[in-house]
Protein backbone atom coordinates (compact mmCIF):
# COMPACT_ATOMS: atom_id res chain seq x y z
CA MET A 1 96.57 75.66 94.95
CA GLY A 2 97.43 79.24 93.92
CA GLU A 3 98.21 80.51 90.45
CA ARG A 4 101.86 80.79 91.44
CA SER A 5 102.20 77.01 91.58
CA ARG A 6 100.12 76.04 88.57
CA GLU A 7 100.20 78.79 85.91
CA ARG A 8 103.63 79.46 84.42
CA LYS A 9 104.79 79.86 80.88
CA LYS A 10 108.39 79.68 79.71
CA ASN A 11 109.94 82.28 77.51
CA GLU A 12 113.59 82.15 76.52
CA GLY A 13 114.60 80.25 79.65
CA LYS A 14 112.74 82.61 82.00
CA GLU A 15 109.37 81.77 83.52
CA LEU A 16 106.59 84.34 83.43
CA TYR A 17 103.20 84.07 85.06
CA SER A 18 99.93 84.43 83.22
CA TYR A 19 99.11 87.86 84.69
CA GLN A 20 102.55 89.10 83.60
CA LEU A 21 102.00 87.82 80.07
CA LYS A 22 98.57 89.44 80.00
CA ASP A 23 100.09 92.81 80.95
CA LEU A 24 102.82 92.34 78.35
CA ASP A 25 100.18 91.94 75.66
CA ARG A 26 98.36 95.07 76.85
CA ILE A 27 101.57 97.12 76.78
CA PHE A 28 102.57 95.91 73.32
CA SER A 29 99.06 96.55 72.01
CA CYS A 30 99.40 100.15 73.20
CA MET A 31 102.79 100.40 71.48
CA GLU A 32 101.33 99.16 68.21
CA GLU A 33 98.35 101.49 68.33
CA SER A 34 100.22 104.63 69.47
CA PRO A 35 102.63 107.02 67.74
CA ASP A 36 106.38 106.64 68.31
CA ASP A 37 106.48 109.52 70.81
CA PHE A 38 103.76 108.15 73.10
CA ASN A 39 104.30 108.14 76.90
CA LEU A 40 102.70 105.19 78.74
CA LEU A 41 102.65 104.50 82.49
CA TYR A 42 102.38 100.96 83.86
CA GLN A 43 101.44 100.26 87.49
CA LEU A 44 102.14 96.98 89.32
CA PRO A 45 102.57 96.41 93.08
CA THR A 46 105.97 95.84 94.64
CA GLY A 47 106.69 92.13 94.37
CA GLY A 48 104.59 91.72 91.24
CA GLY A 49 107.66 91.41 89.00
CA LYS A 50 107.97 94.77 87.24
CA THR A 51 111.62 94.11 86.37
CA VAL A 52 110.76 90.71 84.92
CA ILE A 53 108.03 92.24 82.79
CA PHE A 54 110.03 95.11 81.36
CA SER A 55 113.01 92.80 80.76
CA GLU A 56 110.80 90.65 78.57
CA ILE A 57 109.51 93.82 76.90
CA VAL A 58 113.11 94.74 76.06
CA ARG A 59 113.90 91.28 74.68
CA ARG A 60 110.79 91.19 72.53
CA TYR A 61 111.05 94.83 71.42
CA ILE A 62 114.64 94.46 70.20
CA ALA A 63 113.78 91.23 68.39
CA GLU A 64 110.74 92.73 66.68
CA LYS A 65 111.78 96.36 66.08
CA ASN A 66 115.57 96.06 65.90
CA LYS A 67 115.81 99.38 67.74
CA LYS A 68 117.78 100.28 70.84
CA VAL A 69 116.37 100.48 74.36
CA ILE A 70 117.49 102.61 77.31
CA ILE A 71 116.40 101.78 80.88
CA LEU A 72 116.64 104.56 83.45
CA THR A 73 116.97 104.03 87.21
CA HIS A 74 117.58 106.40 90.11
CA ARG A 75 119.82 104.15 92.25
CA ILE A 76 122.94 102.14 91.48
CA GLU A 77 121.47 99.04 93.16
CA LEU A 78 118.52 99.12 90.78
CA SER A 79 120.85 99.47 87.80
CA SER A 80 122.80 96.36 88.82
CA GLN A 81 119.67 94.35 89.52
CA THR A 82 118.11 95.37 86.21
CA SER A 83 121.27 94.47 84.29
CA LYS A 84 121.35 91.02 85.88
CA MET A 85 117.69 90.42 85.09
CA LEU A 86 118.20 91.45 81.46
CA THR A 87 121.05 88.95 81.23
CA THR A 88 118.71 86.15 82.34
CA PHE A 89 116.54 87.13 79.38
CA ASP A 90 119.55 86.82 77.08
CA VAL A 91 119.65 90.58 76.50
CA PRO A 92 123.25 91.85 76.28
CA ASN A 93 123.35 95.22 78.03
CA MET A 94 125.72 97.88 79.25
CA VAL A 95 125.42 99.77 82.56
CA ILE A 96 126.21 103.47 82.29
CA ASN A 97 127.45 104.55 85.72
CA SER A 98 129.76 107.29 86.95
CA LYS A 99 132.82 105.42 85.63
CA VAL A 100 131.52 105.40 82.06
CA LYS A 101 132.38 108.66 80.29
CA THR A 102 131.66 107.79 76.64
CA LEU A 103 130.20 105.01 74.52
CA GLU A 104 133.37 104.63 72.51
CA GLY A 105 133.73 100.96 71.61
CA ASN A 106 130.27 100.15 73.00
CA GLU A 107 128.05 101.72 70.34
CA ASP A 108 126.72 98.35 69.19
CA TYR A 109 124.83 97.47 72.36
CA MET A 110 121.08 97.30 71.81
CA CYS A 111 120.28 97.93 75.48
CA TYR A 112 121.72 100.36 78.04
CA VAL A 113 120.92 100.66 81.73
CA ALA A 114 121.70 104.13 83.04
CA MET A 115 121.56 106.14 86.24
CA VAL A 116 119.42 109.18 85.53
CA GLU A 117 121.88 111.78 86.85
CA THR A 118 124.85 110.17 85.13
CA LEU A 119 123.12 109.96 81.77
CA ASN A 120 121.81 113.50 82.05
CA ASN A 121 125.33 114.80 82.69
CA ARG A 122 126.74 112.88 79.72
CA LEU A 123 124.00 114.13 77.40
CA GLN A 124 124.29 117.71 78.63
CA ASP A 125 128.07 117.64 78.08
CA LYS A 126 127.53 115.94 74.70
CA GLN A 127 129.84 113.12 75.75
CA MET A 128 127.29 110.55 74.60
CA LYS A 129 125.00 110.28 71.65
CA PHE A 130 122.47 107.51 71.08
CA ASN A 131 121.30 106.54 67.62
CA ASP A 132 118.14 104.67 66.77
CA VAL A 133 116.64 104.51 70.28
CA GLY A 134 113.02 103.41 69.98
CA LEU A 135 112.10 102.74 73.60
CA VAL A 136 112.99 104.30 76.96
CA ILE A 137 111.87 102.50 80.12
CA ILE A 138 111.80 104.40 83.40
CA ASP A 139 111.89 102.35 86.60
CA GLU A 140 110.30 103.89 89.74
CA ALA A 141 108.76 106.47 87.42
CA HIS A 142 107.07 108.44 90.22
CA TYR A 143 110.40 110.16 90.98
CA ASN A 144 110.59 113.56 89.28
CA SER A 145 114.30 113.40 88.47
CA PHE A 146 113.50 111.55 85.24
CA ARG A 147 111.61 114.46 83.68
CA LYS A 148 114.81 116.27 82.77
CA LEU A 149 115.65 113.52 80.28
CA PHE A 150 112.37 113.54 78.38
CA SER A 151 113.53 116.32 76.07
CA HIS A 152 116.44 114.16 74.87
CA PHE A 153 114.07 111.44 73.61
CA LYS A 154 111.30 113.39 71.88
CA ASN A 155 110.52 110.83 69.18
CA THR A 156 110.77 107.79 71.42
CA PHE A 157 108.15 105.61 73.08
CA ILE A 158 108.54 106.14 76.84
CA LEU A 159 107.30 103.50 79.27
CA GLY A 160 107.20 104.50 82.93
CA VAL A 161 106.91 101.72 85.51
CA THR A 162 105.83 102.21 89.12
CA ALA A 163 103.93 100.61 91.99
CA THR A 164 102.29 103.94 92.86
CA PRO A 165 101.35 106.33 90.00
CA LEU A 166 101.51 109.39 92.24
CA SER A 167 104.27 111.93 91.64
CA SER A 168 106.73 112.62 94.45
CA ASN A 169 105.94 116.30 93.83
CA VAL A 170 102.27 117.23 93.82
CA LYS A 171 103.08 120.30 91.69
CA LEU A 172 104.36 118.00 88.91
CA PRO A 173 101.58 115.42 88.39
CA MET A 174 102.39 112.31 86.37
CA LYS A 175 99.42 112.90 84.07
CA ASP A 176 101.34 115.86 82.62
CA ASN A 177 104.03 113.50 81.30
CA TYR A 178 102.14 110.27 80.65
CA LYS A 179 99.14 110.02 78.38
CA ASN A 180 97.72 106.73 79.58
CA LEU A 181 97.89 104.36 82.58
CA ILE A 182 97.76 100.57 82.45
CA MET A 183 97.02 99.01 85.84
CA GLY A 184 98.27 95.53 86.67
CA GLU A 185 97.07 93.05 89.29
CA SER A 186 96.03 94.40 92.68
CA ILE A 187 97.84 93.49 95.87
CA SER A 188 94.85 91.51 97.15
CA SER A 189 94.70 89.54 93.90
CA LEU A 190 98.42 88.73 94.06
CA ILE A 191 97.94 87.56 97.66
CA ASP A 192 94.99 85.36 96.69
CA LYS A 193 97.00 83.80 93.87
CA GLY A 194 99.98 83.11 96.10
CA PHE A 195 102.41 85.69 94.69
CA LEU A 196 102.54 87.92 97.78
CA SER A 197 102.34 87.26 101.51
CA LYS A 198 99.36 88.44 103.52
CA ALA A 199 99.99 91.35 105.92
CA ASN A 200 98.70 91.01 109.49
CA VAL A 201 98.49 94.64 110.58
CA HIS A 202 98.80 95.91 114.16
CA THR A 203 98.35 99.61 114.85
CA CYS A 204 99.31 101.76 117.84
CA ASP A 205 97.68 105.16 118.28
CA VAL A 206 100.36 107.87 118.29
CA GLY A 207 99.80 111.58 118.83
CA LEU A 208 101.49 113.39 115.94
CA LYS A 209 100.57 117.00 116.69
CA THR A 210 104.22 117.93 117.25
CA LEU A 211 105.24 116.82 113.75
CA GLN A 212 105.85 119.49 111.13
CA VAL A 213 105.42 119.15 107.36
CA GLY A 214 108.38 120.20 105.20
CA ILE A 215 108.53 121.69 101.71
CA ASN A 216 108.51 118.18 100.20
CA GLY A 217 105.09 117.55 101.72
CA ASP A 218 106.26 114.97 104.25
CA TYR A 219 107.03 115.22 107.94
CA THR A 220 110.41 116.76 108.68
CA VAL A 221 113.25 114.66 110.05
CA LYS A 222 113.83 117.15 112.86
CA SER A 223 110.29 117.05 114.23
CA SER A 224 110.12 113.27 113.75
CA GLU A 225 113.33 112.75 115.70
CA ILE A 226 112.06 114.83 118.64
CA LEU A 227 108.96 112.64 118.87
CA TYR A 228 110.41 109.21 118.13
CA THR A 229 113.56 109.49 120.25
CA ASN A 230 111.68 110.22 123.46
CA HIS A 231 111.59 107.48 126.07
CA SER A 232 107.83 106.93 125.83
CA MET A 233 107.94 106.23 122.08
CA GLN A 234 110.99 103.98 122.42
CA GLN A 235 109.17 101.92 125.05
CA LYS A 236 106.03 101.81 122.92
CA LEU A 237 108.13 100.44 120.05
CA LEU A 238 109.80 97.80 122.21
CA THR A 239 106.50 96.75 123.78
CA ALA A 240 104.82 96.44 120.37
CA TYR A 241 107.68 94.28 119.11
CA GLU A 242 107.60 92.02 122.16
CA GLU A 243 103.82 91.62 122.03
CA LYS A 244 103.41 91.09 118.28
CA ALA A 245 106.71 90.09 116.68
CA LYS A 246 109.19 88.76 119.21
CA ASP A 247 111.88 86.47 117.75
CA THR A 248 110.84 87.23 114.14
CA LYS A 249 113.20 88.68 111.54
CA THR A 250 112.29 92.36 111.76
CA LEU A 251 112.96 95.42 109.60
CA ILE A 252 112.35 98.78 111.28
CA PHE A 253 111.92 101.99 109.26
CA ASN A 254 112.70 105.33 110.93
CA ASN A 255 112.69 108.98 109.85
CA GLY A 256 116.14 110.10 110.96
CA ILE A 257 119.53 108.58 111.72
CA ASN A 258 119.43 109.61 115.39
CA THR A 259 116.11 107.82 115.82
CA SER A 260 117.57 104.66 114.33
CA HIS A 261 120.54 104.86 116.70
CA TYR A 262 118.15 105.23 119.64
CA VAL A 263 116.21 102.19 118.40
CA TYR A 264 119.45 100.22 118.15
CA GLU A 265 120.38 101.08 121.74
CA THR A 266 116.88 100.30 123.03
CA PHE A 267 116.83 96.82 121.50
CA LYS A 268 120.48 96.13 122.32
CA GLU A 269 119.89 97.01 125.96
CA ALA A 270 116.88 94.69 125.99
CA GLY A 271 119.13 91.83 124.85
CA TYR A 272 118.08 91.52 121.21
CA ASP A 273 120.27 90.81 118.17
CA VAL A 274 120.08 94.14 116.34
CA MET A 275 122.07 96.25 113.86
CA HIS A 276 121.67 99.73 112.41
CA LEU A 277 122.01 100.76 108.73
CA ASP A 278 121.88 104.16 107.07
CA ASN A 279 123.26 105.88 103.97
CA THR A 280 126.51 106.86 105.69
CA HIS A 281 127.65 103.23 105.71
CA SER A 282 130.12 102.22 103.01
CA ASN A 283 129.10 99.75 100.34
CA LYS A 284 131.25 97.10 102.05
CA GLU A 285 129.62 97.75 105.45
CA ARG A 286 126.16 97.66 103.87
CA LYS A 287 126.86 94.26 102.28
CA GLN A 288 128.17 92.87 105.57
CA ILE A 289 125.15 94.10 107.52
CA LEU A 290 122.67 92.77 104.96
CA LYS A 291 124.49 89.42 104.89
CA TRP A 292 124.22 89.25 108.67
CA PHE A 293 120.51 90.14 108.46
CA LYS A 294 119.87 87.45 105.86
CA ASN A 295 121.64 84.68 107.75
CA THR A 296 120.57 85.49 111.32
CA PRO A 297 117.22 84.07 112.53
CA GLY A 298 115.25 86.64 114.52
CA ALA A 299 117.59 89.47 113.46
CA ILE A 300 116.41 93.06 113.90
CA LEU A 301 117.62 95.70 111.43
CA THR A 302 116.83 99.34 112.15
CA SER A 303 117.22 101.62 109.13
CA VAL A 304 116.46 105.04 107.65
CA SER A 305 114.51 104.55 104.39
CA ILE A 306 117.62 103.26 102.60
CA LEU A 307 115.97 99.86 102.11
CA THR A 308 112.70 101.06 100.57
CA THR A 309 113.90 100.30 97.01
CA GLY A 310 116.59 98.07 95.55
CA PHE A 311 116.37 95.69 98.51
CA ASP A 312 114.84 92.24 98.41
CA GLU A 313 115.05 89.93 101.42
CA PRO A 314 112.21 87.36 101.38
CA THR A 315 113.00 86.11 104.90
CA VAL A 316 111.71 89.34 106.51
CA GLU A 317 108.85 88.38 108.82
CA THR A 318 107.97 91.72 110.40
CA ILE A 319 107.91 95.32 109.18
CA ILE A 320 107.75 98.08 111.79
CA LEU A 321 106.86 101.57 110.64
CA ASN A 322 108.51 103.54 113.44
CA ARG A 323 107.64 106.76 111.70
CA ALA A 324 104.77 108.66 110.16
CA THR A 325 104.75 109.57 106.49
CA ARG A 326 102.47 111.50 104.17
CA SER A 327 103.99 109.75 101.14
CA LEU A 328 101.72 107.08 99.71
CA THR A 329 104.64 105.69 97.71
CA LEU A 330 106.87 105.35 100.76
CA TYR A 331 104.05 103.67 102.69
CA PHE A 332 103.66 100.98 100.03
CA GLN A 333 107.42 100.60 99.60
CA MET A 334 108.08 100.05 103.30
CA ILE A 335 105.39 97.42 103.80
CA GLY A 336 106.27 95.80 100.47
CA ARG A 337 109.70 94.83 101.87
CA GLY A 338 107.99 92.11 103.88
CA SER A 339 105.61 90.82 101.22
CA ARG A 340 107.85 88.32 99.42
CA VAL A 341 106.63 84.74 99.63
CA LEU A 342 108.56 81.63 100.64
CA PRO A 343 107.37 78.03 100.94
CA ALA A 344 107.15 78.46 104.72
CA LYS A 345 106.10 82.12 104.68
CA LYS A 346 102.61 83.05 103.55
CA GLU A 347 102.04 85.86 106.04
CA PHE A 348 104.03 88.65 107.68
CA GLN A 349 103.47 91.17 110.47
CA VAL A 350 103.16 94.94 110.11
CA ILE A 351 103.36 97.15 113.19
CA ASP A 352 102.35 100.76 112.51
CA LEU A 353 103.59 103.40 114.95
CA GLY A 354 102.75 106.41 112.76
CA ASN A 355 98.97 106.24 112.13
CA ASN A 356 99.87 105.40 108.51
CA VAL A 357 97.17 102.75 108.11
CA ALA A 358 94.54 105.21 109.30
CA ARG A 359 95.91 107.78 106.83
CA PHE A 360 96.21 105.61 103.69
CA GLY A 361 94.09 102.53 104.37
CA LEU A 362 95.22 98.92 104.51
CA TRP A 363 98.19 97.99 102.32
CA ASP A 364 96.13 95.33 100.52
CA GLY A 365 92.94 97.39 100.42
CA PRO A 366 91.28 98.56 97.19
CA MET A 367 93.02 101.45 95.42
CA ASP A 368 91.66 103.37 92.44
CA TRP A 369 95.05 104.10 90.88
CA ASN A 370 93.48 105.64 87.80
CA ASP A 371 91.70 108.26 89.91
CA ILE A 372 94.92 108.97 91.81
CA PHE A 373 96.78 109.29 88.51
CA MET A 374 94.17 111.62 86.99
CA TYR A 375 93.32 113.68 90.09
CA PRO A 376 96.34 113.61 92.44
CA GLU A 377 95.51 116.97 94.04
CA PHE A 378 92.05 115.76 95.00
CA TYR A 379 93.47 112.57 96.50
CA LEU A 380 96.09 114.39 98.56
CA GLU A 381 93.69 117.08 99.72
CA ASN A 382 91.33 114.40 101.01
CA LEU A 383 93.84 112.39 103.01
CA VAL A 384 92.59 111.96 106.56
CA SER A 385 94.20 114.66 108.72
CA ASP A 386 96.18 113.82 111.83
CA GLU A 387 93.58 115.65 113.90
CA ASP A 388 90.74 113.57 112.46
CA ILE A 389 92.75 110.39 113.01
CA GLU A 390 93.35 111.29 116.63
CA ARG A 391 89.65 111.98 117.15
CA GLU A 392 89.05 108.27 116.62
CA PHE A 393 91.76 107.08 119.02
CA ILE A 394 90.73 104.64 121.73
CA TYR A 395 93.00 104.63 124.76
CA GLU A 396 93.93 101.24 126.18
CA MET A 397 95.79 101.15 129.44
CA PRO A 398 99.00 99.09 129.11
CA PRO A 399 98.77 95.70 130.91
CA GLU A 400 101.64 96.51 133.28
CA LEU A 401 99.91 99.76 134.33
CA ARG A 402 96.53 98.03 134.62
CA GLU A 403 98.07 95.67 137.17
CA GLN A 404 98.73 98.65 139.44
CA PHE A 405 94.95 99.22 139.55
CA SER A 406 94.07 95.64 140.43
CA ASN A 407 91.83 96.74 143.33
CA SER A 408 89.52 98.61 140.97
CA ASP A 409 86.79 96.77 139.10
CA GLU A 410 86.15 99.55 136.60
CA ILE A 411 88.92 101.81 135.25
CA ASP A 412 87.38 102.98 131.96
CA PHE A 413 85.86 106.43 131.49
CA ASP A 414 84.45 107.76 128.20
CA ILE A 415 85.06 111.51 128.27
CA LYS A 416 83.12 112.11 125.02
CA ALA A 417 80.08 110.24 126.33
CA GLU A 418 80.32 112.14 129.61
CA TYR A 419 80.49 115.45 127.74
CA GLU A 420 77.34 114.55 125.77
CA LYS A 421 75.61 113.61 129.03
CA VAL A 422 76.59 116.89 130.66
CA PHE A 423 75.48 118.83 127.57
CA ALA A 424 72.09 117.05 127.64
CA GLU A 425 71.76 118.00 131.32
CA GLY A 426 72.28 121.63 130.39
CA LYS A 427 75.36 121.94 132.58
CA LYS A 428 78.74 123.53 131.86
CA SER A 429 81.12 121.42 129.80
CA LYS A 430 83.85 121.55 132.48
CA ILE A 431 81.65 119.29 134.64
CA ALA A 432 82.71 116.43 132.34
CA LEU A 433 86.35 117.07 133.20
CA GLU A 434 85.54 117.30 136.91
CA ARG A 435 83.83 113.92 136.77
CA SER A 436 86.87 112.52 134.97
CA ILE A 437 89.15 113.85 137.72
CA THR A 438 86.87 112.29 140.34
CA GLN A 439 87.01 108.93 138.59
CA HIS A 440 90.81 109.04 138.34
CA ALA A 441 91.10 110.03 142.01
CA LYS A 442 88.84 107.13 142.98
CA ILE A 443 90.90 104.42 141.26
CA VAL A 444 94.19 105.90 142.47
CA PHE A 445 92.82 106.03 146.04
CA GLU A 446 91.64 102.40 145.80
CA ASN A 447 95.14 101.22 144.91
CA THR A 448 97.42 103.22 147.23
CA GLU A 449 98.04 103.39 150.96
CA ASP A 450 99.00 107.02 151.48
CA VAL A 451 99.01 110.35 149.67
CA PHE A 452 102.64 110.01 148.62
CA ASP A 453 102.00 106.71 146.82
CA ALA A 454 98.86 108.24 145.34
CA ARG A 455 100.74 111.14 143.77
CA ILE A 456 103.32 108.74 142.29
CA LEU A 457 100.61 106.52 140.80
CA ALA A 458 98.69 109.54 139.49
CA ARG A 459 101.73 110.54 137.44
CA GLU A 460 101.53 107.15 135.70
CA LEU A 461 98.17 108.27 134.28
CA LYS A 462 99.77 111.09 132.28
CA GLU A 463 99.20 109.43 128.88
CA GLU A 464 95.56 108.66 129.64
CA ILE A 465 95.01 112.16 130.98
CA SER A 466 96.49 113.63 127.78
CA PHE A 467 94.13 111.44 125.78
CA ARG A 468 91.09 112.56 127.76
CA ILE A 469 92.11 116.21 127.42
CA ARG A 470 92.42 115.82 123.62
CA GLN A 471 89.02 114.17 123.39
CA TYR A 472 87.47 116.87 125.56
CA SER A 473 89.02 119.66 123.48
CA TYR A 474 87.55 118.11 120.32
CA CYS A 475 84.12 118.18 121.99
CA ILE A 476 84.31 121.87 122.86
CA MET A 477 86.05 122.66 119.54
CA LYS A 478 88.97 124.40 121.17
CA ASN A 479 92.11 122.66 119.97
CA THR A 480 95.07 125.00 120.38
CA GLN A 481 98.09 123.25 121.89
CA ASN A 482 98.55 125.97 124.51
CA TYR A 483 94.99 125.50 125.70
CA LYS A 484 95.37 121.73 125.91
CA ASP A 485 98.67 122.09 127.77
CA TRP A 486 96.98 124.39 130.27
CA LEU A 487 94.04 121.99 130.68
CA GLU A 488 96.41 119.12 131.34
CA GLU A 489 98.37 121.06 133.97
CA ASP A 490 95.12 122.16 135.62
CA TYR A 491 93.81 118.59 135.53
CA MET A 492 96.91 117.22 137.30
CA ARG A 493 96.77 120.01 139.89
CA LYS A 494 93.11 119.29 140.69
CA LEU A 495 93.77 115.53 140.77
CA ARG A 496 96.57 115.97 143.31
CA LEU A 497 94.37 118.27 145.38
CA LYS A 498 91.46 115.81 145.40
CA LEU A 499 93.76 112.96 146.44
CA SER A 500 95.12 115.06 149.28
CA GLN A 501 91.57 115.81 150.41
CA MET A 502 90.58 112.13 150.25
CA TYR A 503 93.52 111.05 152.41
CA THR A 504 92.97 113.97 154.80
CA ASN A 505 89.37 112.83 155.26
CA VAL A 506 90.57 109.28 155.99
CA THR A 507 93.01 110.56 158.62
CA THR A 508 90.29 112.74 160.21
CA VAL A 509 87.88 109.81 160.42
CA GLU A 510 90.52 107.63 162.04
C-alpha cells in the first residue's frame, strides 16, 4: 500500500500528505530564519500538489502574521484554480483580472490572486496600492515576466514555486533573483508512493537536422511545421499511436497550429475520434472541446502547447510528443499532463517523436535541480546535441516494409561496422558504401521479378539509405547537409544501375 492511501493529515477540512507537511515546515523554517525581504524558490514536480501547499502556506501565514498575501500567476486559468483552492482552505480571496481596475471597496481582503501583467499595469498606473503585504507567492516562477514586479515588493518575503527551477531565459538565471532553493519529493519517489502514475516511454528516432533554433532558444515553429507536416512524419505518428496506444485517451502536443491541423486530418481520415485545440479557440469552444475530451473514451486531442499548464485531466492515458523541444520545463510539463493517478490508472504511455528523452533523460529519472539552479549555463551547454543523438540511432525497418523482403533471410547491414572493417583492411572508405549498395541490390533483386519492380522497391528504402548515409558521414567526419544530399543521390543512382546490371545478366543467361 502506497503512502497516498495510508498517510494523510487533516488541516482545516483539507487533507495534506506527509511529504507536503514536511515541505511546509521547511518553508516556514526558512521564513522564520530569514529577513523580511528574502527570496526563496521551492521546487516540486507537476502533480505533487504545489497549489495545495502554497494555499496552506497562505492560510497559516495570515493566521500567524496577520499580514496580507499576494499570489501571482501568468494565466487566467491558473488564477481561477488558485482562487478555488484557497477557498477550500477557508481563505477569502479576490482575483485581480483585467476587469478589476481598483481595490476600492476591497481593501480588507487578506489575500489577492493576480495576473502578472494586469497587476503590473495597475501598479505602474498607480491605480492600486497594497498596504501591509508580507508575502508574495509566484506560481510557475520560471517564467521571466514576474521579475518586473519584484521592485514593487522590496521589503516582502517572496516565495517562487516551480516544477523546474530553470529560467525560461538563460540570460536571466533564477539564482539572480532567488537566494535559496528547497527541493521537494522527486518524481520517482512520488510514483513509488502512489501519488503519480508511472510513464511507459516509447521513442522513435527522428532526424532533426532541418530544425532551426530561434532567439528564445527553442526550435522555431516554422522549421518544426516543415518537418512535422510532411507525409512521412504524419505516418510515423499514426503508426506509433496504433502500435503503442490505440484506443487510449490521447493528448498530442505539436509545435505549430498547422501541424495540429494536419494531425487532426490524419487521424480523422484513419477513422479515429479526434479534435483539435489551439489558442485561437474561444473560451466557450475550449470548454466544449475539453468536456468532450473528458467524457469520450479513447478520445484523441491534438493541441499546440496550450494545455501544458492550467489543465488537469486525470483520465489521459497517453501523451504523444509530436515535436522536439529544447525547453526542459516544457518537456516536464507535457509529460506531466498524463501523470495524474486514478484508482484504475497507475501507468500511462509516452510516445516521443522529437528525441526529447535522449536530450533530457527519462521523465522520472534523477535530476540534480540544485545544480541546474546554480549552474544553468553549464547544464544547457551540456545538453546532448541533435547530431550526437542521431549518431546513436538504430534503424529498424517498418514491419509492413519488411514483409516486402520476405524472400531475404538477412536484411540488416551495419554501415559503421563495415567502415571499421574497410579501414582495418587499409582500403578507401567509399568501399563501405559500395558494399552497402551491393547488399541493398541483393535483397531488392531477391524480392522482385523485373527491373521495373526493382526500381519501385528500391525507392521504398529511401529512409534506410538516408540513415546509412548519415552514419557513414559521421565515420568520415564530413557532415555538411549538401555533402550528405549528394551522397544519397549518388547512392540511389548506383543502386539503380546495379539492379539494371543484375537483371541484364539474368536476361543474357536465359
